[in-house]
């Protein structure tokens, strides 16, 4: 019988090779998807609303009379929020409040300082004017994603947040619309796919052009975001979800098995890995996986994920586990140990770190507060979670005084001469002349 999840040992001679094979993920673009998306984007850029309506009919089987009729009024969003069962509405609003409180601490402010010669230097921080939020629709509907993308944008001071969400066959998800109301979304259009990305990036007669596009989507949405980058900003191109758990062997094995399941159930390419120095505990987790798996509604997805990209790895020590964590740079890292703060200090590369036995990754997905939009596929080595800073931009401020210009102009002119940029040098030296005082 084939094992559900692989077992590795860091002491084995072939460990490095096996780990590299386990972590390998082809981020290459499918050529056919790229071509298809390119055609859709060109069509939307050239034909605007007409193209959006055509793709919405073909892909979502939604026959709208006009692009304007694809926009949901704010009253529809408020209706969805007020119509939720009381427990769902409370959970949604509580999550929004926690996420907002966390992100309010990230807001950057403008600053400046004056040097002794009177020169004033600084940085002006301003919010983006308009942001587009893509939300998957139909069965793959994630109200938590609405909150995680919209709340930091609103906290940053973004003036207008435009959400697109496909509604196949006219099927609208009440939780998603309620989340849009709770998060303060400005406008919602019931469109999806690459055509929605194109409409947000280029603008149509009805759908406004945005400055940045955020939010998850399928392969076509990801390809579209990749192709419009530069015309607009994007958050990131995310790969499959990942969890890496470091455990000392004292957490209930059932908890750890279910934490592995929590990411494996996202899709077949998701990755769930456990590092532990206790071989007997790894045996217990393997047994719990076998016991619990048949009970899971998404059993097939979990099993495919664990057998294809999952692993239980015996390590020499928790210190070695942290070294491996830095090598893997996971999206989510659980430190299910007695003194997690000690080991958190040894971790340099992770999207989010969950400290202690009572902090499952699932809490971070919904309501802990920090953003669940995180770098994947090892990109935590150089990337950060989505946050308020993604919706603010920085402008440098330079005010040179008449007293200071002589020294600065000479430095600039000498360097410009060295680069052969003589107009630069002349522009700087001309400022060494006096101009009449303004009256």
Protein backbone atom coordinates (compact mmCIF):
# COMPACT_ATOMS: atom_id res chain seq x y z
CA UNK A 1 0.00 0.00 0.00
CA UNK A 2 1.37 3.40 -1.03
CA UNK A 3 2.01 5.75 1.88
CA UNK A 4 -0.23 8.80 2.03
CA UNK A 5 2.64 11.17 2.84
CA UNK A 6 6.40 10.79 2.31
CA UNK A 7 8.86 10.28 5.18
CA UNK A 8 12.28 11.95 5.00
CA UNK A 9 15.24 11.99 7.38
CA UNK A 10 17.69 14.91 7.44
CA UNK A 11 20.48 12.46 8.34
CA UNK A 12 20.00 10.44 5.15
CA UNK A 13 22.67 10.74 2.44
CA UNK A 14 20.09 11.65 -0.21
CA UNK A 15 18.15 14.11 1.96
CA UNK A 16 19.18 17.29 0.13
CA UNK A 17 18.23 15.79 -3.21
CA UNK A 18 14.88 14.54 -1.95
CA UNK A 19 14.08 17.86 -0.28
CA UNK A 20 14.91 19.77 -3.46
CA UNK A 21 12.62 17.47 -5.45
CA UNK A 22 9.87 17.98 -2.88
CA UNK A 23 10.12 21.76 -3.04
CA UNK A 24 10.38 21.95 -6.82
CA UNK A 25 7.45 23.76 -8.34
CA UNK A 26 7.18 24.75 -11.98
CA UNK A 27 6.05 28.38 -12.08
CA UNK A 28 6.31 28.39 -15.86
CA UNK A 29 3.46 29.85 -17.85
CA UNK A 30 1.28 27.70 -20.04
CA UNK A 31 1.82 29.00 -23.58
CA UNK A 32 -1.79 28.45 -24.60
CA UNK A 33 -3.14 30.29 -21.55
CA UNK A 34 -0.73 33.16 -22.23
CA UNK A 35 -1.92 33.48 -25.84
CA UNK A 36 -5.59 33.24 -24.90
CA UNK A 37 -5.24 35.87 -22.19
CA UNK A 38 -3.29 38.17 -24.48
CA UNK A 39 -6.14 38.06 -26.99
CA UNK A 40 -8.74 38.77 -24.31
CA UNK A 41 -6.79 41.74 -22.97
CA UNK A 42 -6.30 43.20 -26.46
CA UNK A 43 -10.01 42.81 -27.15
CA UNK A 44 -11.05 44.50 -23.91
CA UNK A 45 -8.58 47.35 -24.47
CA UNK A 46 -9.92 47.96 -27.98
CA UNK A 47 -13.66 47.28 -27.56
CA UNK A 48 -14.29 48.05 -23.89
CA UNK A 49 -17.78 47.31 -22.60
CA UNK A 50 -18.75 45.38 -25.72
CA UNK A 51 -15.93 42.87 -25.22
CA UNK A 52 -16.66 42.53 -21.48
CA UNK A 53 -20.32 41.76 -22.19
CA UNK A 54 -19.34 39.21 -24.84
CA UNK A 55 -16.95 37.34 -22.55
CA UNK A 56 -19.45 37.45 -19.68
CA UNK A 57 -22.06 35.79 -21.90
CA UNK A 58 -19.62 33.16 -23.16
CA UNK A 59 -17.82 32.28 -19.94
CA UNK A 60 -20.32 33.06 -17.16
CA UNK A 61 -23.53 32.41 -19.14
CA UNK A 62 -24.82 35.77 -17.96
CA UNK A 63 -26.63 37.76 -20.65
CA UNK A 64 -26.54 41.40 -19.53
CA UNK A 65 -28.15 44.23 -21.49
CA UNK A 66 -25.30 46.62 -20.72
CA UNK A 67 -22.11 46.85 -18.72
CA UNK A 68 -23.90 49.21 -16.36
CA UNK A 69 -26.35 46.43 -15.50
CA UNK A 70 -23.41 44.33 -14.28
CA UNK A 71 -22.81 46.77 -11.43
CA UNK A 72 -24.46 45.95 -8.12
CA UNK A 73 -25.94 48.89 -6.20
CA UNK A 74 -24.67 49.57 -2.69
CA UNK A 75 -28.12 48.68 -1.37
CA UNK A 76 -27.59 45.11 -2.65
CA UNK A 77 -24.38 44.83 -0.61
CA UNK A 78 -26.05 46.22 2.51
CA UNK A 79 -28.94 43.81 1.98
CA UNK A 80 -26.53 40.87 1.86
CA UNK A 81 -24.88 41.95 5.12
CA UNK A 82 -28.14 42.53 7.00
CA UNK A 83 -29.59 39.27 5.63
CA UNK A 84 -26.85 37.00 6.97
CA UNK A 85 -27.61 34.71 9.89
CA UNK A 86 -26.68 36.51 13.11
CA UNK A 87 -23.66 34.30 13.84
CA UNK A 88 -22.21 34.80 10.35
CA UNK A 89 -22.75 38.55 10.44
CA UNK A 90 -21.10 38.83 13.85
CA UNK A 91 -18.15 36.67 12.75
CA UNK A 92 -17.68 38.77 9.60
CA UNK A 93 -17.82 42.09 11.45
CA UNK A 94 -15.57 40.85 14.26
CA UNK A 95 -13.01 39.65 11.71
CA UNK A 96 -13.14 42.99 9.86
CA UNK A 97 -12.56 44.89 13.11
CA UNK A 98 -9.55 42.75 14.08
CA UNK A 99 -8.02 43.03 10.61
CA UNK A 100 -8.56 46.81 10.63
CA UNK A 101 -6.96 47.27 14.08
CA UNK A 102 -3.87 45.37 13.01
CA UNK A 103 -3.44 47.26 9.74
CA UNK A 104 -3.97 50.67 11.34
CA UNK A 105 -0.55 50.20 12.94
CA UNK A 106 1.08 49.94 9.50
CA UNK A 107 0.17 53.40 8.24
CA UNK A 108 3.23 55.40 7.16
CA UNK A 109 3.41 59.18 7.60
CA UNK A 110 5.17 61.92 5.67
CA UNK A 111 8.38 63.28 7.19
CA UNK A 112 11.05 65.89 6.57
CA UNK A 113 14.15 67.38 8.18
CA UNK A 114 16.24 70.52 7.71
CA UNK A 115 20.02 70.40 7.35
CA UNK A 116 22.33 73.03 8.79
CA UNK A 117 22.60 74.85 5.44
CA UNK A 118 18.83 75.25 5.18
CA UNK A 119 18.18 72.41 2.74
CA UNK A 120 14.95 70.59 3.52
CA UNK A 121 14.66 66.92 2.58
CA UNK A 122 11.76 64.59 3.17
CA UNK A 123 9.24 62.07 1.98
CA UNK A 124 5.58 62.63 1.23
CA UNK A 125 3.33 59.59 1.70
CA UNK A 126 0.05 59.45 -0.22
CA UNK A 127 -2.53 56.74 -0.87
CA UNK A 128 -3.36 55.34 -4.29
CA UNK A 129 -6.45 56.92 -5.82
CA UNK A 130 -8.25 53.80 -7.06
CA UNK A 131 -7.62 50.07 -6.51
CA UNK A 132 -9.21 47.06 -8.20
CA UNK A 133 -9.97 43.95 -6.17
CA UNK A 134 -10.48 40.66 -7.99
CA UNK A 135 -12.54 38.08 -6.07
CA UNK A 136 -13.14 34.53 -7.32
CA UNK A 137 -16.81 33.69 -7.75
CA UNK A 138 -19.12 30.71 -7.90
CA UNK A 139 -18.10 27.80 -5.69
CA UNK A 140 -14.62 29.28 -5.09
CA UNK A 141 -15.91 32.23 -3.07
CA UNK A 142 -13.77 33.67 -0.28
CA UNK A 143 -15.25 36.50 1.82
CA UNK A 144 -12.07 36.41 3.92
CA UNK A 145 -10.13 37.40 0.81
CA UNK A 146 -12.37 40.43 0.37
CA UNK A 147 -11.55 41.62 3.88
CA UNK A 148 -7.82 40.92 3.64
CA UNK A 149 -7.45 42.87 0.40
CA UNK A 150 -9.94 45.67 0.99
CA UNK A 151 -9.33 46.60 4.62
CA UNK A 152 -5.64 47.60 4.28
CA UNK A 153 -6.51 49.62 1.18
CA UNK A 154 -9.21 51.51 3.05
CA UNK A 155 -6.91 52.03 6.05
CA UNK A 156 -4.26 53.41 3.69
CA UNK A 157 -6.75 56.01 2.48
CA UNK A 158 -7.54 54.68 -1.01
CA UNK A 159 -10.39 56.82 -2.27
CA UNK A 160 -12.16 54.23 -4.42
CA UNK A 161 -12.09 50.44 -4.29
CA UNK A 162 -13.62 48.67 -7.29
CA UNK A 163 -14.39 44.97 -6.88
CA UNK A 164 -15.02 42.47 -9.66
CA UNK A 165 -16.52 39.07 -8.91
CA UNK A 166 -17.87 36.58 -11.46
CA UNK A 167 -21.41 35.32 -10.90
CA UNK A 168 -21.75 32.25 -13.16
CA UNK A 169 -25.33 31.89 -14.28
CA UNK A 170 -26.23 34.86 -12.10
CA UNK A 171 -25.27 33.03 -8.88
CA UNK A 172 -24.30 35.64 -6.29
CA UNK A 173 -22.52 34.67 -3.08
CA UNK A 174 -24.14 36.43 -0.12
CA UNK A 175 -21.10 36.19 2.14
CA UNK A 176 -18.85 37.78 -0.48
CA UNK A 177 -21.29 40.65 -1.03
CA UNK A 178 -21.70 41.07 2.72
CA UNK A 179 -17.92 41.23 3.12
CA UNK A 180 -17.83 43.94 0.45
CA UNK A 181 -20.31 45.96 2.49
CA UNK A 182 -18.40 45.40 5.72
CA UNK A 183 -15.09 46.41 4.13
CA UNK A 184 -16.43 49.58 2.51
CA UNK A 185 -16.08 48.60 -1.16
CA UNK A 186 -17.02 51.51 -3.42
CA UNK A 187 -18.31 49.67 -6.52
CA UNK A 188 -18.92 46.02 -7.44
CA UNK A 189 -19.13 44.61 -10.97
CA UNK A 190 -20.24 41.03 -11.62
CA UNK A 191 -17.52 40.13 -14.10
CA UNK A 192 -14.59 37.75 -13.82
CA UNK A 193 -11.69 36.14 -15.60
CA UNK A 194 -9.00 37.81 -17.65
CA UNK A 195 -11.63 40.21 -19.03
CA UNK A 196 -12.15 41.66 -15.55
CA UNK A 197 -8.41 42.22 -15.15
CA UNK A 198 -8.33 43.91 -18.56
CA UNK A 199 -11.29 46.14 -17.70
CA UNK A 200 -9.66 47.23 -14.44
CA UNK A 201 -6.26 47.80 -16.06
CA UNK A 202 -7.38 49.70 -19.16
CA UNK A 203 -10.81 50.98 -18.18
CA UNK A 204 -13.94 50.74 -20.33
CA UNK A 205 -16.82 53.08 -21.01
CA UNK A 206 -18.38 51.90 -17.72
CA UNK A 207 -15.69 50.29 -15.59
CA UNK A 208 -13.09 52.75 -14.26
CA UNK A 209 -9.37 52.24 -14.76
CA UNK A 210 -7.52 51.52 -11.51
CA UNK A 211 -3.98 52.13 -10.32
CA UNK A 212 -3.37 48.70 -8.81
CA UNK A 213 -5.03 45.26 -8.96
CA UNK A 214 -5.02 42.88 -6.01
CA UNK A 215 -6.69 39.57 -5.21
CA UNK A 216 -6.40 35.87 -6.11
CA UNK A 217 -7.67 34.06 -9.17
CA UNK A 218 -7.23 31.08 -11.46
CA UNK A 219 -4.46 30.54 -14.02
CA UNK A 220 -6.10 32.92 -16.52
CA UNK A 221 -6.45 35.67 -13.92
CA UNK A 222 -2.83 35.19 -12.82
CA UNK A 223 -1.64 35.34 -16.43
CA UNK A 224 -3.67 38.50 -17.02
CA UNK A 225 -2.22 40.19 -13.93
CA UNK A 226 1.26 39.27 -15.11
CA UNK A 227 0.61 40.81 -18.56
CA UNK A 228 -0.92 44.10 -17.35
CA UNK A 229 1.82 44.71 -14.77
CA UNK A 230 3.46 47.99 -15.70
CA UNK A 231 0.20 49.45 -16.96
CA UNK A 232 -1.05 49.03 -13.38
CA UNK A 233 0.54 47.73 -10.21
CA UNK A 234 -0.30 44.25 -8.90
CA UNK A 235 0.05 42.63 -5.50
CA UNK A 236 1.83 39.39 -6.44
CA UNK A 237 1.55 36.23 -8.52
CA UNK A 238 0.84 33.62 -5.87
CA UNK A 239 1.58 29.93 -6.16
CA UNK A 240 -0.14 27.05 -4.32
CA UNK A 241 -0.73 27.40 -0.59
CA UNK A 242 1.97 26.10 1.80
CA UNK A 243 2.34 25.20 5.46
CA UNK A 244 5.52 24.20 7.28
CA UNK A 245 5.13 23.00 10.86
CA UNK A 246 8.00 22.72 13.33
CA UNK A 247 6.92 20.62 16.31
CA UNK A 248 8.76 19.35 19.37
CA UNK A 249 6.54 16.26 19.58
CA UNK A 250 4.43 17.46 22.50
CA UNK A 251 1.43 18.85 20.63
CA UNK A 252 -1.43 16.36 20.16
CA UNK A 253 -0.74 14.48 16.93
CA UNK A 254 -4.37 14.95 15.86
CA UNK A 255 -3.92 18.74 15.96
CA UNK A 256 -0.84 18.60 13.77
CA UNK A 257 -2.45 16.25 11.26
CA UNK A 258 -5.44 18.58 10.93
CA UNK A 259 -3.17 21.61 10.53
CA UNK A 260 -1.49 19.82 7.63
CA UNK A 261 -4.93 19.10 6.16
CA UNK A 262 -5.92 22.77 6.50
CA UNK A 263 -3.57 23.77 3.70
CA UNK A 264 -3.63 20.52 1.74
CA UNK A 265 -7.37 20.95 1.17
CA UNK A 266 -6.82 24.14 -0.87
CA UNK A 267 -5.75 22.25 -3.99
CA UNK A 268 -3.77 19.27 -5.21
CA UNK A 269 -0.59 21.32 -5.59
CA UNK A 270 -0.67 22.76 -2.04
CA UNK A 271 2.26 21.77 0.17
CA UNK A 272 2.16 20.57 3.80
CA UNK A 273 5.40 19.64 5.60
CA UNK A 274 6.14 18.71 9.21
CA UNK A 275 9.62 18.94 10.77
CA UNK A 276 10.18 17.14 14.10
CA UNK A 277 13.15 15.57 15.91
CA UNK A 278 10.93 12.84 17.43
CA UNK A 279 10.50 9.83 15.10
CA UNK A 280 7.82 8.27 17.33
CA UNK A 281 5.76 11.46 17.13
CA UNK A 282 6.05 11.42 13.33
CA UNK A 283 4.64 7.87 13.43
CA UNK A 284 1.70 9.14 15.50
CA UNK A 285 1.00 11.95 13.04
CA UNK A 286 1.12 9.48 10.14
CA UNK A 287 -1.43 7.30 11.97
CA UNK A 288 -3.67 10.30 12.61
CA UNK A 289 -3.51 11.23 8.93
CA UNK A 290 -4.72 7.74 8.00
CA UNK A 291 -7.46 7.86 10.65
CA UNK A 292 -8.76 11.35 9.87
CA UNK A 293 -8.48 11.45 6.09
CA UNK A 294 -11.59 9.34 5.34
CA UNK A 295 -13.67 11.82 7.36
CA UNK A 296 -12.65 14.83 5.28
CA UNK A 297 -15.19 16.22 2.76
CA UNK A 298 -12.24 17.25 0.54
CA UNK A 299 -10.46 13.93 1.00
CA UNK A 300 -9.40 13.53 -2.64
CA UNK A 301 -7.77 16.96 -2.75
CA UNK A 302 -6.00 16.47 0.58
CA UNK A 303 -4.71 13.04 -0.38
CA UNK A 304 -3.40 14.26 -3.73
CA UNK A 305 -1.63 17.18 -2.04
CA UNK A 306 -0.05 15.09 0.72
CA UNK A 307 1.07 12.28 -1.56
CA UNK A 308 2.40 14.63 -4.23
CA UNK A 309 4.07 17.42 -2.26
CA UNK A 310 3.74 16.66 1.46
CA UNK A 311 6.31 15.19 3.86
CA UNK A 312 6.99 14.22 7.46
CA UNK A 313 10.66 15.00 8.06
CA UNK A 314 12.76 13.81 10.97
CA UNK A 315 15.38 16.40 11.89
CA UNK A 316 18.32 16.30 14.30
CA UNK A 317 17.04 19.20 16.39
CA UNK A 318 14.66 22.14 16.45
CA UNK A 319 17.63 24.36 15.56
CA UNK A 320 18.16 22.34 12.39
CA UNK A 321 14.44 22.66 11.69
CA UNK A 322 14.80 26.45 11.74
CA UNK A 323 17.73 26.24 9.32
CA UNK A 324 15.54 24.19 6.96
CA UNK A 325 12.67 26.65 7.42
CA UNK A 326 14.91 29.46 6.18
CA UNK A 327 15.85 27.32 3.20
CA UNK A 328 12.21 26.55 2.39
CA UNK A 329 10.92 30.10 3.14
CA UNK A 330 7.32 28.94 3.57
CA UNK A 331 4.14 30.93 3.19
CA UNK A 332 2.92 29.78 6.63
CA UNK A 333 5.19 28.56 9.44
CA UNK A 334 3.77 27.05 12.62
CA UNK A 335 6.13 26.85 15.61
CA UNK A 336 4.24 24.28 17.67
CA UNK A 337 6.81 24.16 20.48
CA UNK A 338 7.10 25.02 24.18
CA UNK A 339 9.01 28.30 23.74
CA UNK A 340 8.18 29.55 20.23
CA UNK A 341 9.72 33.00 20.70
CA UNK A 342 13.19 31.42 21.00
CA UNK A 343 12.87 29.74 17.64
CA UNK A 344 11.04 32.62 15.92
CA UNK A 345 14.23 34.62 16.39
CA UNK A 346 16.07 32.04 14.30
CA UNK A 347 13.65 32.34 11.36
CA UNK A 348 14.46 34.95 8.72
CA UNK A 349 12.27 33.80 5.84
CA UNK A 350 8.53 33.11 6.23
CA UNK A 351 5.36 34.84 5.13
CA UNK A 352 3.73 34.50 8.56
CA UNK A 353 4.84 32.76 11.76
CA UNK A 354 2.26 31.17 14.06
CA UNK A 355 3.63 30.92 17.59
CA UNK A 356 2.69 28.16 20.00
CA UNK A 357 0.41 25.15 20.17
CA UNK A 358 -2.81 27.19 20.31
CA UNK A 359 -2.14 29.18 17.13
CA UNK A 360 -3.22 27.14 14.11
CA UNK A 361 -2.70 28.70 10.70
CA UNK A 362 -6.48 28.63 10.13
CA UNK A 363 -6.93 31.52 12.58
CA UNK A 364 -4.63 33.62 10.42
CA UNK A 365 -6.72 32.90 7.34
CA UNK A 366 -9.80 34.47 8.86
CA UNK A 367 -9.59 36.62 11.93
CA UNK A 368 -6.27 36.85 13.81
CA UNK A 369 -5.56 40.25 12.25
CA UNK A 370 -2.44 40.04 10.07
CA UNK A 371 -2.97 39.70 6.35
CA UNK A 372 -3.39 36.26 4.82
CA UNK A 373 -2.11 37.37 1.41
CA UNK A 374 1.44 36.01 1.72
CA UNK A 375 4.45 35.22 -0.48
CA UNK A 376 4.64 31.62 -1.71
CA UNK A 377 7.08 29.32 -3.52
CA UNK A 378 10.10 30.55 -1.57
CA UNK A 379 9.49 34.22 -2.37
CA UNK A 380 9.33 35.00 1.35
CA UNK A 381 13.12 35.34 0.96
CA UNK A 382 12.49 38.76 -0.59
CA UNK A 383 8.75 39.50 -0.30
CA UNK A 384 6.35 40.51 2.46
CA UNK A 385 2.66 40.04 3.30
CA UNK A 386 0.12 42.38 1.71
CA UNK A 387 -0.37 45.44 3.86
CA UNK A 388 -1.21 49.12 4.06
CA UNK A 389 2.21 49.91 2.56
CA UNK A 390 1.08 48.27 -0.70
CA UNK A 391 -1.56 50.96 -1.09
CA UNK A 392 0.62 53.93 -0.19
CA UNK A 393 3.33 55.45 -2.34
CA UNK A 394 6.26 57.64 -1.40
CA UNK A 395 7.35 60.85 -3.10
CA UNK A 396 10.74 62.40 -2.33
CA UNK A 397 10.82 66.07 -1.28
CA UNK A 398 13.89 68.23 -1.95
CA UNK A 399 14.07 71.97 -1.18
CA UNK A 400 17.59 73.39 -1.61
CA UNK A 401 18.26 76.79 -0.08
CA UNK A 402 20.19 79.61 -1.80
CA UNK A 403 22.86 79.14 0.86
CA UNK A 404 23.28 75.41 0.15
CA UNK A 405 23.03 75.36 -3.63
CA UNK A 406 26.65 76.30 -4.28
CA UNK A 407 28.14 73.26 -2.61
CA UNK A 408 25.56 70.83 -3.97
CA UNK A 409 25.72 72.27 -7.48
CA UNK A 410 29.49 71.85 -7.65
CA UNK A 411 29.25 68.20 -6.50
CA UNK A 412 26.52 67.48 -9.05
CA UNK A 413 28.35 69.30 -11.86
CA UNK A 414 31.62 67.44 -11.31
CA UNK A 415 29.83 64.09 -11.36
CA UNK A 416 27.75 65.09 -14.39
CA UNK A 417 30.87 66.16 -16.29
CA UNK A 418 32.36 62.76 -15.49
CA UNK A 419 29.33 61.06 -17.00
CA UNK A 420 29.40 63.27 -20.10
CA UNK A 421 26.02 64.81 -19.27
CA UNK A 422 26.95 68.44 -19.81
CA UNK A 423 23.44 69.90 -19.65
CA UNK A 424 23.10 68.39 -16.19
CA UNK A 425 26.31 70.14 -15.16
CA UNK A 426 25.22 73.45 -16.65
CA UNK A 427 21.79 73.23 -15.01
CA UNK A 428 23.44 72.75 -11.63
CA UNK A 429 26.05 75.52 -12.07
CA UNK A 430 23.46 78.06 -13.24
CA UNK A 431 21.83 77.79 -9.81
CA UNK A 432 25.00 79.22 -8.29
CA UNK A 433 23.93 82.60 -9.72
CA UNK A 434 21.81 84.90 -7.63
CA UNK A 435 18.17 85.55 -8.58
CA UNK A 436 16.19 88.60 -7.45
CA UNK A 437 14.26 88.06 -4.25
CA UNK A 438 10.57 87.41 -4.80
CA UNK A 439 8.32 90.25 -3.77
